[in-house]
Amino acid sequence: MTADTLYEAAALGLKLLRDHGWASPIGPATRLEVRVSHPAITHEVTVLQLRKWSESTAVTPEERVRKDRVRTILA
């Protein structure tokens, strides 16, 4: 699965976990680990950070589109 941003990748992963019941209840402090293949790197973001970012004010139209995409995934 691919995503344009860390937050989009985290939202897609969270949606998969919820849709397929692979995890117990997921709370705001749940840490999501996102691994990038190339260059190899791992990031962590909590569900709360993901929600706060998606709900925060966008600075540019491009950022607004990204935040809208993440909110749609999380809905």
Protein backbone atom coordinates (compact mmCIF):
# COMPACT_ATOMS: atom_id res chain seq x y z
CA MET A 1 0.00 0.00 0.00
CA THR A 2 1.29 3.47 -0.79
CA ALA A 3 0.50 6.93 0.59
CA ASP A 4 1.66 10.47 -0.09
CA THR A 5 2.33 11.40 3.54
CA LEU A 6 3.11 9.84 6.92
CA TYR A 7 -0.35 10.76 8.17
CA GLU A 8 -2.09 9.25 5.15
CA ALA A 9 -0.11 6.02 5.61
CA ALA A 10 -1.03 5.93 9.31
CA ALA A 11 -4.71 6.56 8.52
CA LEU A 12 -4.76 3.79 5.90
CA GLY A 13 -3.16 1.36 8.35
CA LEU A 14 -5.60 2.31 11.09
CA LYS A 15 -8.53 1.83 8.72
CA LEU A 16 -7.29 -1.66 7.80
CA LEU A 17 -6.93 -2.61 11.46
CA ARG A 18 -10.44 -1.40 12.26
CA ASP A 19 -12.10 -2.85 9.15
CA HIS A 20 -10.67 -6.32 9.69
CA GLY A 21 -10.81 -6.46 13.49
CA TRP A 22 -7.11 -7.26 13.81
CA ALA A 23 -6.69 -5.33 17.04
CA SER A 24 -8.47 -4.79 20.31
CA PRO A 25 -10.11 -1.39 20.81
CA ILE A 26 -7.81 1.32 19.49
CA GLY A 27 -7.55 4.38 21.72
CA PRO A 28 -6.02 7.82 21.16
CA ALA A 29 -2.71 6.81 22.78
CA THR A 30 -2.29 3.80 20.47
CA ARG A 31 1.05 4.10 18.66
CA LEU A 32 1.08 3.37 14.95
CA GLU A 33 4.38 2.38 13.34
CA VAL A 34 4.80 3.33 9.69
CA ARG A 35 7.69 1.82 7.76
CA VAL A 36 8.95 3.30 4.53
CA SER A 37 10.64 0.91 2.11
CA HIS A 38 12.95 3.27 0.28
CA PRO A 39 14.73 4.93 1.87
CA ALA A 40 14.29 2.53 4.78
CA ILE A 41 12.98 4.43 7.81
CA THR A 42 10.35 3.93 10.50
CA HIS A 43 8.09 6.61 11.98
CA GLU A 44 5.69 6.46 14.93
CA VAL A 45 2.55 8.50 15.36
CA THR A 46 -0.27 8.13 17.87
CA VAL A 47 -3.92 8.03 16.90
CA LEU A 48 -4.37 11.33 18.79
CA GLN A 49 -1.56 13.00 16.80
CA LEU A 50 -3.12 11.75 13.59
CA ARG A 51 -6.54 13.15 14.49
CA LYS A 52 -5.13 16.50 15.70
CA TRP A 53 -3.12 16.94 12.49
CA SER A 54 -6.09 16.14 10.27
CA GLU A 55 -8.32 18.58 12.16
CA SER A 56 -5.81 21.43 12.35
CA THR A 57 -5.86 24.45 10.05
CA ALA A 58 -4.17 23.96 6.69
CA VAL A 59 -1.60 26.53 5.60
CA THR A 60 -1.80 25.81 1.87
CA PRO A 61 -4.43 24.44 -0.50
CA GLU A 62 -2.24 21.36 -1.01
CA GLU A 63 -2.16 20.73 2.73
CA ARG A 64 -5.96 21.15 2.86
CA VAL A 65 -6.34 18.40 0.25
CA ARG A 66 -4.03 16.10 2.24
CA LYS A 67 -5.90 16.71 5.49
CA ASP A 68 -9.27 16.18 3.78
CA ARG A 69 -8.00 12.87 2.36
CA VAL A 70 -6.90 11.68 5.81
CA ARG A 71 -10.21 12.73 7.40
CA THR A 72 -12.08 10.82 4.70
CA ILE A 73 -10.02 7.70 5.40
CA LEU A 74 -10.64 7.99 9.15
CA ALA A 75 -14.39 8.53 8.77
